[in-house]
Amino acid sequence: MKREADKSREDKENRKVSTLYLVMAALFTAVTFVGTILIRIPVGIGYVNFGDAVVMIAAVVLGPVGAALAGGLGSALADLVGFAMYAPFTLVIKGLEGFVCGVVFKSLLKGKNPYLRALVSFLLGAATVVVGYALTDMLLVLFGAAASDGNIALTAVLAGVATLVPSLIQVGVSAAVALVVSPKLPTLTLLNENKNR
């Protein structure tokens, strides 16, 4: 009888944890969207926003799956408002950013100093974004310039290179903000290590 009561209590706690995780993932998705839409500081061909900072913080709090959802969905929805052609690429790039940050922070550097874990995970996530958008701009130029005369490959490479500086500024600012905030945040330690991480 006691075993059944314990099992029932454990199942109830697991449902609470799963619900909390889903609510937090949805909240981080919404905040990523808002952080991307509301704050846009122009930088060359792009802009600085705080969406990436939210994705990086989500990686610390939720782990790779929740951060991937928040980054991919929140950022892609924000792109639909003003940069719709980037939305499918953003879904993948920002989803990967959250996933990479989460895996590195939660698993690969587990037990290390939280600031070191955050720094390394944010740098790797930032590299994912920079490379992802450079490749995206190359692809968009290749597809757009396919019908034109001239050196399409050179134009595509130049478009990718032109994206590097604004992307580095964007993720650099976000990583700095997230680095200050995230190591002080609690993670969802109630979660079972094998679930949702």
N, C-alpha and C. Protein backbone atom coordinates (compact mmCIF):
# COMPACT_ATOMS: atom_id res chain seq x y z
N MET A 1 0.82 -1.20 0.00
CA MET A 1 0.00 0.00 0.00
C MET A 1 0.87 1.27 0.00
N LYS A 2 1.94 1.23 0.83
CA LYS A 2 2.83 2.39 0.89
C LYS A 2 3.55 2.60 -0.44
N ARG A 3 3.91 1.47 -1.08
CA ARG A 3 4.59 1.58 -2.37
C ARG A 3 3.69 2.25 -3.41
N GLU A 4 2.42 1.89 -3.43
CA GLU A 4 1.48 2.50 -4.37
C GLU A 4 1.32 3.99 -4.09
N ALA A 5 1.27 4.36 -2.83
CA ALA A 5 1.14 5.78 -2.46
C ALA A 5 2.40 6.55 -2.89
N ASP A 6 3.57 5.94 -2.68
CA ASP A 6 4.81 6.60 -3.09
C ASP A 6 4.86 6.76 -4.61
N LYS A 7 4.45 5.71 -5.33
CA LYS A 7 4.45 5.77 -6.80
C LYS A 7 3.49 6.84 -7.28
N SER A 8 2.31 6.92 -6.65
CA SER A 8 1.33 7.92 -7.03
C SER A 8 1.86 9.33 -6.77
N ARG A 9 2.53 9.51 -5.65
CA ARG A 9 3.11 10.81 -5.31
C ARG A 9 4.21 11.18 -6.31
N GLU A 10 5.03 10.19 -6.66
CA GLU A 10 6.11 10.43 -7.62
C GLU A 10 5.55 10.79 -8.99
N ASP A 11 4.49 10.08 -9.43
CA ASP A 11 3.86 10.40 -10.72
C ASP A 11 3.29 11.81 -10.71
N LYS A 12 2.70 12.20 -9.60
CA LYS A 12 2.13 13.54 -9.48
C LYS A 12 3.24 14.61 -9.55
N GLU A 13 4.36 14.35 -8.90
CA GLU A 13 5.49 15.28 -8.93
C GLU A 13 6.07 15.38 -10.34
N ASN A 14 6.16 14.24 -11.04
CA ASN A 14 6.68 14.25 -12.41
C ASN A 14 5.77 15.06 -13.33
N ARG A 15 4.45 14.94 -13.15
CA ARG A 15 3.52 15.73 -13.96
C ARG A 15 3.68 17.22 -13.66
N LYS A 16 3.88 17.58 -12.39
CA LYS A 16 4.09 18.98 -12.03
C LYS A 16 5.35 19.51 -12.68
N VAL A 17 6.41 18.71 -12.64
CA VAL A 17 7.68 19.13 -13.22
C VAL A 17 7.54 19.30 -14.73
N SER A 18 6.88 18.37 -15.40
CA SER A 18 6.69 18.47 -16.84
C SER A 18 5.87 19.70 -17.20
N THR A 19 4.84 19.97 -16.41
CA THR A 19 4.01 21.16 -16.64
C THR A 19 4.84 22.42 -16.43
N LEU A 20 5.63 22.46 -15.38
CA LEU A 20 6.49 23.61 -15.11
C LEU A 20 7.47 23.82 -16.26
N TYR A 21 8.04 22.73 -16.74
CA TYR A 21 8.99 22.82 -17.84
C TYR A 21 8.33 23.40 -19.09
N LEU A 22 7.15 22.91 -19.43
CA LEU A 22 6.44 23.40 -20.61
C LEU A 22 6.07 24.88 -20.47
N VAL A 23 5.62 25.25 -19.28
CA VAL A 23 5.26 26.65 -19.03
C VAL A 23 6.50 27.54 -19.16
N MET A 24 7.61 27.11 -18.60
CA MET A 24 8.85 27.89 -18.69
C MET A 24 9.35 27.98 -20.12
N ALA A 25 9.25 26.89 -20.87
CA ALA A 25 9.68 26.90 -22.27
C ALA A 25 8.80 27.88 -23.07
N ALA A 26 7.50 27.86 -22.83
CA ALA A 26 6.59 28.79 -23.51
C ALA A 26 6.90 30.24 -23.12
N LEU A 27 7.18 30.45 -21.84
CA LEU A 27 7.52 31.79 -21.37
C LEU A 27 8.80 32.30 -22.02
N PHE A 28 9.83 31.46 -22.06
CA PHE A 28 11.08 31.86 -22.71
C PHE A 28 10.89 32.10 -24.21
N THR A 29 10.01 31.33 -24.85
CA THR A 29 9.71 31.55 -26.26
C THR A 29 9.09 32.93 -26.47
N ALA A 30 8.13 33.27 -25.62
CA ALA A 30 7.46 34.58 -25.71
C ALA A 30 8.45 35.72 -25.43
N VAL A 31 9.29 35.55 -24.43
CA VAL A 31 10.26 36.60 -24.09
C VAL A 31 11.31 36.75 -25.20
N THR A 32 11.68 35.65 -25.83
CA THR A 32 12.60 35.72 -26.97
C THR A 32 11.97 36.53 -28.10
N PHE A 33 10.70 36.26 -28.38
CA PHE A 33 9.98 37.01 -29.41
C PHE A 33 9.95 38.50 -29.08
N VAL A 34 9.56 38.82 -27.85
CA VAL A 34 9.45 40.22 -27.43
C VAL A 34 10.83 40.89 -27.41
N GLY A 35 11.84 40.18 -26.90
CA GLY A 35 13.20 40.74 -26.85
C GLY A 35 13.78 40.99 -28.22
N THR A 36 13.32 40.25 -29.21
CA THR A 36 13.78 40.42 -30.58
C THR A 36 13.04 41.55 -31.28
N ILE A 37 11.75 41.66 -31.02
CA ILE A 37 10.90 42.65 -31.70
C ILE A 37 11.04 44.05 -31.12
N LEU A 38 11.03 44.16 -29.80
CA LEU A 38 10.95 45.48 -29.17
C LEU A 38 12.25 46.26 -29.17
N ILE A 39 13.37 45.57 -29.07
CA ILE A 39 14.65 46.27 -29.00
C ILE A 39 15.45 45.96 -30.26
N ARG A 40 15.53 46.95 -31.13
CA ARG A 40 16.27 46.78 -32.38
C ARG A 40 17.20 47.97 -32.56
N ILE A 41 18.46 47.75 -32.30
CA ILE A 41 19.46 48.79 -32.45
C ILE A 41 20.21 48.51 -33.75
N PRO A 42 20.07 49.36 -34.78
CA PRO A 42 20.69 49.09 -36.08
C PRO A 42 22.22 48.99 -36.00
N VAL A 43 22.74 47.96 -36.66
CA VAL A 43 24.19 47.76 -36.76
C VAL A 43 24.47 47.29 -38.18
N GLY A 44 24.90 48.21 -39.03
CA GLY A 44 25.22 47.84 -40.41
C GLY A 44 24.01 47.27 -41.12
N ILE A 45 24.12 46.03 -41.60
CA ILE A 45 23.02 45.41 -42.34
C ILE A 45 22.07 44.64 -41.43
N GLY A 46 22.34 44.64 -40.15
CA GLY A 46 21.47 43.95 -39.20
C GLY A 46 21.12 44.84 -38.04
N TYR A 47 20.77 44.23 -36.93
CA TYR A 47 20.44 45.00 -35.74
C TYR A 47 20.75 44.18 -34.50
N VAL A 48 20.97 44.88 -33.39
CA VAL A 48 21.19 44.23 -32.11
C VAL A 48 19.87 44.15 -31.39
N ASN A 49 19.56 42.99 -30.84
CA ASN A 49 18.38 42.81 -30.00
C ASN A 49 18.77 41.91 -28.85
N PHE A 50 17.85 41.69 -27.93
CA PHE A 50 18.17 40.86 -26.77
C PHE A 50 17.57 39.46 -26.85
N GLY A 51 17.12 39.07 -28.03
CA GLY A 51 16.58 37.72 -28.22
C GLY A 51 17.61 36.64 -27.96
N ASP A 52 18.84 36.85 -28.43
CA ASP A 52 19.89 35.84 -28.22
C ASP A 52 20.24 35.72 -26.75
N ALA A 53 20.21 36.82 -26.02
CA ALA A 53 20.48 36.76 -24.58
C ALA A 53 19.44 35.89 -23.89
N VAL A 54 18.19 36.02 -24.30
CA VAL A 54 17.12 35.20 -23.70
C VAL A 54 17.33 33.72 -24.04
N VAL A 55 17.74 33.44 -25.26
CA VAL A 55 17.99 32.04 -25.66
C VAL A 55 19.12 31.45 -24.82
N MET A 56 20.17 32.21 -24.61
CA MET A 56 21.31 31.73 -23.82
C MET A 56 20.91 31.52 -22.36
N ILE A 57 20.11 32.41 -21.84
CA ILE A 57 19.62 32.26 -20.46
C ILE A 57 18.70 31.05 -20.37
N ALA A 58 17.88 30.84 -21.38
CA ALA A 58 17.00 29.66 -21.41
C ALA A 58 17.81 28.37 -21.39
N ALA A 59 18.97 28.38 -22.05
CA ALA A 59 19.82 27.19 -22.06
C ALA A 59 20.30 26.85 -20.65
N VAL A 60 20.59 27.87 -19.86
CA VAL A 60 21.04 27.65 -18.49
C VAL A 60 19.89 27.14 -17.62
N VAL A 61 18.73 27.74 -17.78
CA VAL A 61 17.59 27.40 -16.93
C VAL A 61 16.92 26.10 -17.36
N LEU A 62 16.71 25.93 -18.66
CA LEU A 62 15.91 24.80 -19.16
C LEU A 62 16.71 23.65 -19.76
N GLY A 63 17.92 23.93 -20.21
CA GLY A 63 18.67 22.89 -20.90
C GLY A 63 18.46 23.00 -22.40
N PRO A 64 18.99 22.04 -23.16
CA PRO A 64 19.03 22.15 -24.61
C PRO A 64 17.67 22.14 -25.31
N VAL A 65 16.74 21.30 -24.86
CA VAL A 65 15.47 21.18 -25.56
C VAL A 65 14.63 22.44 -25.40
N GLY A 66 14.49 22.91 -24.17
CA GLY A 66 13.71 24.13 -23.93
C GLY A 66 14.31 25.34 -24.61
N ALA A 67 15.64 25.44 -24.57
CA ALA A 67 16.32 26.57 -25.21
C ALA A 67 16.18 26.51 -26.73
N ALA A 68 16.22 25.30 -27.29
CA ALA A 68 16.04 25.16 -28.74
C ALA A 68 14.64 25.60 -29.15
N LEU A 69 13.65 25.22 -28.37
CA LEU A 69 12.28 25.65 -28.66
C LEU A 69 12.14 27.16 -28.55
N ALA A 70 12.65 27.72 -27.47
CA ALA A 70 12.55 29.17 -27.25
C ALA A 70 13.28 29.93 -28.35
N GLY A 71 14.49 29.48 -28.67
CA GLY A 71 15.28 30.17 -29.69
C GLY A 71 14.69 30.04 -31.07
N GLY A 72 14.37 28.82 -31.46
CA GLY A 72 13.84 28.59 -32.80
C GLY A 72 12.49 29.24 -33.03
N LEU A 73 11.54 28.93 -32.17
CA LEU A 73 10.18 29.45 -32.37
C LEU A 73 10.09 30.95 -32.10
N GLY A 74 10.64 31.39 -30.97
CA GLY A 74 10.54 32.81 -30.63
C GLY A 74 11.19 33.71 -31.66
N SER A 75 12.37 33.34 -32.10
CA SER A 75 13.11 34.15 -33.08
C SER A 75 12.48 34.08 -34.48
N ALA A 76 12.02 32.90 -34.88
CA ALA A 76 11.40 32.75 -36.20
C ALA A 76 10.09 33.53 -36.26
N LEU A 77 9.33 33.51 -35.19
CA LEU A 77 8.10 34.31 -35.16
C LEU A 77 8.41 35.80 -35.26
N ALA A 78 9.48 36.23 -34.61
CA ALA A 78 9.89 37.64 -34.70
C ALA A 78 10.30 37.98 -36.13
N ASP A 79 10.97 37.07 -36.81
CA ASP A 79 11.37 37.33 -38.20
C ASP A 79 10.15 37.44 -39.12
N LEU A 80 9.08 36.72 -38.80
CA LEU A 80 7.88 36.81 -39.63
C LEU A 80 7.29 38.22 -39.63
N VAL A 81 7.57 38.98 -38.59
CA VAL A 81 7.06 40.35 -38.49
C VAL A 81 7.78 41.29 -39.45
N GLY A 82 9.08 41.09 -39.67
CA GLY A 82 9.79 42.05 -40.51
C GLY A 82 10.76 41.47 -41.51
N PHE A 83 11.21 40.24 -41.29
CA PHE A 83 12.23 39.64 -42.17
C PHE A 83 11.80 38.21 -42.52
N ALA A 84 10.63 38.09 -43.12
CA ALA A 84 10.00 36.78 -43.32
C ALA A 84 10.87 35.79 -44.08
N MET A 85 11.69 36.27 -45.03
CA MET A 85 12.51 35.32 -45.80
C MET A 85 13.55 34.63 -44.91
N TYR A 86 13.88 35.24 -43.78
CA TYR A 86 14.85 34.63 -42.87
C TYR A 86 14.21 33.65 -41.88
N ALA A 87 12.89 33.68 -41.74
CA ALA A 87 12.21 32.90 -40.69
C ALA A 87 12.56 31.41 -40.71
N PRO A 88 12.53 30.71 -41.85
CA PRO A 88 12.88 29.28 -41.81
C PRO A 88 14.33 29.03 -41.40
N PHE A 89 15.22 29.91 -41.86
CA PHE A 89 16.63 29.78 -41.49
C PHE A 89 16.81 30.06 -40.00
N THR A 90 16.12 31.09 -39.53
CA THR A 90 16.21 31.46 -38.11
C THR A 90 15.70 30.34 -37.22
N LEU A 91 14.63 29.70 -37.63
CA LEU A 91 14.09 28.57 -36.86
C LEU A 91 15.19 27.54 -36.58
N VAL A 92 15.97 27.22 -37.61
CA VAL A 92 17.03 26.24 -37.47
C VAL A 92 18.24 26.82 -36.72
N ILE A 93 18.68 28.01 -37.12
CA ILE A 93 19.90 28.59 -36.54
C ILE A 93 19.73 28.88 -35.05
N LYS A 94 18.65 29.55 -34.69
CA LYS A 94 18.44 29.91 -33.28
C LYS A 94 18.06 28.69 -32.46
N GLY A 95 17.40 27.72 -33.09
CA GLY A 95 17.14 26.46 -32.40
C GLY A 95 18.44 25.74 -32.07
N LEU A 96 19.36 25.72 -33.04
CA LEU A 96 20.68 25.13 -32.81
C LEU A 96 21.47 25.91 -31.76
N GLU A 97 21.35 27.23 -31.78
CA GLU A 97 22.03 28.04 -30.78
C GLU A 97 21.61 27.62 -29.37
N GLY A 98 20.30 27.54 -29.15
CA GLY A 98 19.80 27.14 -27.83
C GLY A 98 20.23 25.73 -27.47
N PHE A 99 20.18 24.83 -28.45
CA PHE A 99 20.55 23.44 -28.19
C PHE A 99 22.02 23.32 -27.83
N VAL A 100 22.88 23.98 -28.62
CA VAL A 100 24.33 23.92 -28.37
C VAL A 100 24.66 24.51 -27.00
N CYS A 101 24.11 25.69 -26.71
CA CYS A 101 24.35 26.31 -25.39
C CYS A 101 23.90 25.38 -24.27
N GLY A 102 22.74 24.80 -24.42
CA GLY A 102 22.19 23.93 -23.38
C GLY A 102 23.00 22.67 -23.16
N VAL A 103 23.41 22.03 -24.26
CA VAL A 103 24.20 20.80 -24.14
C VAL A 103 25.55 21.08 -23.47
N VAL A 104 26.20 22.14 -23.91
CA VAL A 104 27.51 22.46 -23.35
C VAL A 104 27.38 22.83 -21.87
N PHE A 105 26.39 23.67 -21.55
CA PHE A 105 26.24 24.12 -20.16
C PHE A 105 25.79 22.98 -19.24
N LYS A 106 24.82 22.20 -19.67
CA LYS A 106 24.23 21.18 -18.80
C LYS A 106 25.02 19.87 -18.76
N SER A 107 25.66 19.52 -19.85
CA SER A 107 26.27 18.19 -19.91
C SER A 107 27.79 18.20 -20.02
N LEU A 108 28.31 18.87 -21.01
CA LEU A 108 29.74 18.76 -21.30
C LEU A 108 30.62 19.38 -20.21
N LEU A 109 30.16 20.46 -19.62
CA LEU A 109 30.98 21.13 -18.60
C LEU A 109 30.37 21.01 -17.21
N LYS A 110 29.57 20.00 -17.00
CA LYS A 110 28.90 19.81 -15.71
C LYS A 110 29.94 19.71 -14.59
N GLY A 111 29.68 20.44 -13.50
CA GLY A 111 30.57 20.41 -12.35
C GLY A 111 31.64 21.50 -12.37
N LYS A 112 31.79 22.19 -13.49
CA LYS A 112 32.79 23.27 -13.59
C LYS A 112 32.18 24.56 -13.04
N ASN A 113 33.02 25.58 -12.93
CA ASN A 113 32.59 26.90 -12.49
C ASN A 113 31.45 27.39 -13.38
N PRO A 114 30.34 27.92 -12.78
CA PRO A 114 29.20 28.34 -13.60
C PRO A 114 29.53 29.45 -14.60
N TYR A 115 30.45 30.34 -14.26
CA TYR A 115 30.82 31.39 -15.21
C TYR A 115 31.59 30.82 -16.39
N LEU A 116 32.47 29.86 -16.13
CA LEU A 116 33.21 29.21 -17.21
C LEU A 116 32.24 28.43 -18.10
N ARG A 117 31.33 27.69 -17.48
CA ARG A 117 30.34 26.94 -18.24
C ARG A 117 29.52 27.87 -19.13
N ALA A 118 29.08 28.98 -18.55
CA ALA A 118 28.27 29.93 -19.31
C ALA A 118 29.08 30.54 -20.45
N LEU A 119 30.30 30.95 -20.16
CA LEU A 119 31.14 31.59 -21.18
C LEU A 119 31.37 30.66 -22.36
N VAL A 120 31.78 29.45 -22.10
CA VAL A 120 32.07 28.50 -23.18
C VAL A 120 30.79 28.16 -23.96
N SER A 121 29.70 27.92 -23.25
CA SER A 121 28.46 27.56 -23.94
C SER A 121 27.94 28.72 -24.78
N PHE A 122 28.05 29.95 -24.26
CA PHE A 122 27.58 31.10 -25.02
C PHE A 122 28.45 31.37 -26.24
N LEU A 123 29.75 31.19 -26.10
CA LEU A 123 30.64 31.39 -27.25
C LEU A 123 30.35 30.38 -28.36
N LEU A 124 30.12 29.13 -27.98
CA LEU A 124 29.80 28.12 -28.99
C LEU A 124 28.43 28.37 -29.62
N GLY A 125 27.47 28.79 -28.81
CA GLY A 125 26.16 29.15 -29.35
C GLY A 125 26.26 30.34 -30.29
N ALA A 126 27.07 31.34 -29.89
CA ALA A 126 27.27 32.52 -30.73
C ALA A 126 27.93 32.15 -32.06
N ALA A 127 28.89 31.24 -32.01
CA ALA A 127 29.55 30.79 -33.25
C ALA A 127 28.53 30.13 -34.17
N THR A 128 27.61 29.39 -33.60
CA THR A 128 26.55 28.75 -34.40
C THR A 128 25.73 29.80 -35.14
N VAL A 129 25.39 30.88 -34.45
CA VAL A 129 24.60 31.95 -35.06
C VAL A 129 25.39 32.66 -36.16
N VAL A 130 26.63 33.01 -35.87
CA VAL A 130 27.45 33.75 -36.85
C VAL A 130 27.63 32.93 -38.13
N VAL A 131 28.02 31.68 -37.97
CA VAL A 131 28.22 30.82 -39.15
C VAL A 131 26.90 30.57 -39.85
N GLY A 132 25.85 30.33 -39.09
CA GLY A 132 24.53 30.06 -39.68
C GLY A 132 24.02 31.20 -40.55
N TYR A 133 24.14 32.43 -40.04
CA TYR A 133 23.65 33.55 -40.85
C TYR A 133 24.57 33.89 -42.01
N ALA A 134 25.86 33.65 -41.88
CA ALA A 134 26.77 33.85 -43.02
C ALA A 134 26.39 32.89 -44.15
N LEU A 135 26.16 31.63 -43.79
CA LEU A 135 25.74 30.64 -44.80
C LEU A 135 24.37 30.98 -45.38
N THR A 136 23.47 31.47 -44.52
CA THR A 136 22.14 31.85 -44.99
C THR A 136 22.21 32.96 -46.03
N ASP A 137 22.99 33.99 -45.72
CA ASP A 137 23.10 35.09 -46.68
C ASP A 137 23.75 34.63 -47.98
N MET A 138 24.72 33.72 -47.89
CA MET A 138 25.32 33.17 -49.11
C MET A 138 24.26 32.44 -49.94
N LEU A 139 23.46 31.62 -49.27
CA LEU A 139 22.43 30.87 -49.99
C LEU A 139 21.38 31.79 -50.60
N LEU A 140 20.96 32.79 -49.85
CA LEU A 140 19.95 33.72 -50.38
C LEU A 140 20.47 34.47 -51.60
N VAL A 141 21.74 34.86 -51.58
CA VAL A 141 22.32 35.53 -52.74
C VAL A 141 22.42 34.55 -53.91
N LEU A 142 22.85 33.33 -53.63
CA LEU A 142 22.96 32.34 -54.71
C LEU A 142 21.61 32.09 -55.37
N PHE A 143 20.57 31.92 -54.56
CA PHE A 143 19.24 31.67 -55.12
C PHE A 143 18.70 32.91 -55.83
N GLY A 144 18.96 34.09 -55.27
CA GLY A 144 18.45 35.32 -55.86
C GLY A 144 19.21 35.75 -57.10
N ALA A 145 20.48 35.44 -57.15
CA ALA A 145 21.32 35.90 -58.26
C ALA A 145 21.48 34.85 -59.36
N ALA A 146 20.83 33.72 -59.21
CA ALA A 146 21.02 32.62 -60.17
C ALA A 146 20.66 33.04 -61.59
N ALA A 147 19.71 33.96 -61.74
CA ALA A 147 19.28 34.36 -63.08
C ALA A 147 20.10 35.52 -63.64
N SER A 148 20.93 36.13 -62.81
CA SER A 148 21.67 37.30 -63.27
C SER A 148 23.02 36.91 -63.87
N ASP A 149 23.59 37.84 -64.59
CA ASP A 149 24.92 37.64 -65.13
C ASP A 149 25.94 38.10 -64.10
N GLY A 150 27.15 37.61 -64.18
CA GLY A 150 28.19 38.05 -63.26
C GLY A 150 28.69 36.89 -62.42
N ASN A 151 29.56 37.23 -61.51
CA ASN A 151 30.18 36.23 -60.67
C ASN A 151 29.32 35.97 -59.43
N ILE A 152 28.44 35.00 -59.54
CA ILE A 152 27.49 34.70 -58.48
C ILE A 152 28.21 34.21 -57.23
N ALA A 153 29.21 33.36 -57.40
CA ALA A 153 29.91 32.80 -56.25
C ALA A 153 30.59 33.89 -55.43
N LEU A 154 31.25 34.83 -56.10
CA LEU A 154 31.93 35.91 -55.40
C LEU A 154 30.92 36.79 -54.66
N THR A 155 29.82 37.08 -55.31
CA THR A 155 28.77 37.89 -54.68
C THR A 155 28.23 37.19 -53.44
N ALA A 156 28.03 35.89 -53.52
CA ALA A 156 27.52 35.12 -52.38
C ALA A 156 28.50 35.14 -51.21
N VAL A 157 29.77 34.95 -51.52
CA VAL A 157 30.80 34.96 -50.47
C VAL A 157 30.87 36.33 -49.82
N LEU A 158 30.82 37.39 -50.62
CA LEU A 158 30.84 38.75 -50.07
C LEU A 158 29.63 39.02 -49.18
N ALA A 159 28.48 38.51 -49.57
CA ALA A 159 27.29 38.67 -48.74
C ALA A 159 27.46 37.97 -47.40
N GLY A 160 28.02 36.78 -47.43
CA GLY A 160 28.27 36.05 -46.18
C GLY A 160 29.27 36.77 -45.30
N VAL A 161 30.33 37.29 -45.89
CA VAL A 161 31.36 38.02 -45.13
C VAL A 161 30.78 39.30 -44.54
N ALA A 162 29.93 39.99 -45.31
CA ALA A 162 29.32 41.23 -44.83
C ALA A 162 28.43 41.00 -43.61
N THR A 163 27.92 39.80 -43.46
CA THR A 163 27.06 39.45 -42.33
C THR A 163 27.87 39.23 -41.05
N LEU A 164 29.14 38.89 -41.18
CA LEU A 164 29.93 38.49 -40.01
C LEU A 164 30.01 39.56 -38.92
N VAL A 165 30.33 40.78 -39.27
CA VAL A 165 30.52 41.82 -38.25
C VAL A 165 29.23 42.13 -37.51
N PRO A 166 28.10 42.40 -38.21
CA PRO A 166 26.87 42.64 -37.46
C PRO A 166 26.45 41.44 -36.60
N SER A 167 26.65 40.24 -37.11
CA SER A 167 26.30 39.04 -36.34
C SER A 167 27.17 38.92 -35.09
N LEU A 168 28.47 39.20 -35.24
CA LEU A 168 29.37 39.15 -34.09
C LEU A 168 28.99 40.18 -33.03
N ILE A 169 28.62 41.37 -33.47
CA ILE A 169 28.19 42.40 -32.52
C ILE A 169 26.91 41.96 -31.81
N GLN A 170 25.95 41.45 -32.58
CA GLN A 170 24.67 41.00 -32.02
C GLN A 170 24.87 39.93 -30.95
N VAL A 171 25.57 38.87 -31.29
CA VAL A 171 25.72 37.78 -30.33
C VAL A 171 26.69 38.14 -29.21
N GLY A 172 27.64 39.03 -29.50
CA GLY A 172 28.57 39.48 -28.45
C GLY A 172 27.85 40.25 -27.36
N VAL A 173 26.98 41.17 -27.76
CA VAL A 173 26.19 41.94 -26.78
C VAL A 173 25.28 41.00 -26.00
N SER A 174 24.62 40.10 -26.69
CA SER A 174 23.71 39.16 -26.03
C SER A 174 24.46 38.24 -25.07
N ALA A 175 25.61 37.75 -25.49
CA ALA A 175 26.40 36.86 -24.62
C ALA A 175 26.85 37.60 -23.37
N ALA A 176 27.23 38.87 -23.52
CA ALA A 176 27.65 39.66 -22.35
C ALA A 176 26.49 39.83 -21.37
N VAL A 177 25.31 40.14 -21.89
CA VAL A 177 24.12 40.30 -21.03
C VAL A 177 23.80 38.97 -20.34
N ALA A 178 23.78 37.90 -21.12
CA ALA A 178 23.45 36.59 -20.56
C ALA A 178 24.50 36.13 -19.55
N LEU A 179 25.75 36.46 -19.79
CA LEU A 179 26.83 36.06 -18.89
C LEU A 179 26.69 36.72 -17.53
N VAL A 180 26.23 37.95 -17.52
CA VAL A 180 26.02 38.66 -16.25
C VAL A 180 24.82 38.07 -15.50
N VAL A 181 23.77 37.74 -16.23
CA VAL A 181 22.51 37.33 -15.61
C VAL A 181 22.43 35.84 -15.28
N SER A 182 22.80 34.99 -16.22
CA SER A 182 22.47 33.57 -16.12
C SER A 182 23.12 32.77 -14.98
N PRO A 183 24.39 32.96 -14.64
CA PRO A 183 24.94 32.12 -13.58
C PRO A 183 24.28 32.34 -12.22
N LYS A 184 23.57 33.43 -12.07
CA LYS A 184 22.89 33.71 -10.80
C LYS A 184 21.48 33.13 -10.77
N LEU A 185 20.99 32.65 -11.91
CA LEU A 185 19.63 32.14 -11.99
C LEU A 185 19.55 30.68 -11.53
N PRO A 186 18.44 30.34 -10.91
CA PRO A 186 18.27 28.92 -10.57
C PRO A 186 17.91 28.13 -11.82
N THR A 187 18.35 26.90 -11.85
CA THR A 187 17.93 26.02 -12.94
C THR A 187 16.75 25.22 -12.43
N LEU A 188 16.09 24.55 -13.32
CA LEU A 188 14.96 23.74 -12.90
C LEU A 188 15.48 22.41 -12.37
N THR A 189 16.06 22.47 -11.18
CA THR A 189 16.71 21.30 -10.59
C THR A 189 15.72 20.23 -10.17
N LEU A 190 14.45 20.57 -10.09
CA LEU A 190 13.45 19.57 -9.74
C LEU A 190 13.27 18.54 -10.84
N LEU A 191 13.71 18.91 -12.04
CA LEU A 191 13.52 18.00 -13.17
C LEU A 191 14.39 16.77 -13.05
N ASN A 192 13.81 15.68 -13.43
CA ASN A 192 14.56 14.43 -13.51
C ASN A 192 15.64 14.61 -14.57
N GLU A 193 16.86 14.20 -14.29
CA GLU A 193 17.97 14.38 -15.22
C GLU A 193 17.72 13.76 -16.58
N ASN A 194 16.85 12.75 -16.64
CA ASN A 194 16.62 12.07 -17.91
C ASN A 194 15.46 12.68 -18.70
N LYS A 195 14.77 13.66 -18.13
CA LYS A 195 13.61 14.21 -18.80
C LYS A 195 13.87 15.62 -19.27
N ASN A 196 13.39 15.91 -20.48
CA ASN A 196 13.36 17.28 -21.01
C ASN A 196 14.72 17.98 -21.01
N ARG A 197 15.79 17.30 -20.91
CA ARG A 197 17.08 17.97 -20.84
C ARG A 197 17.86 17.74 -22.10
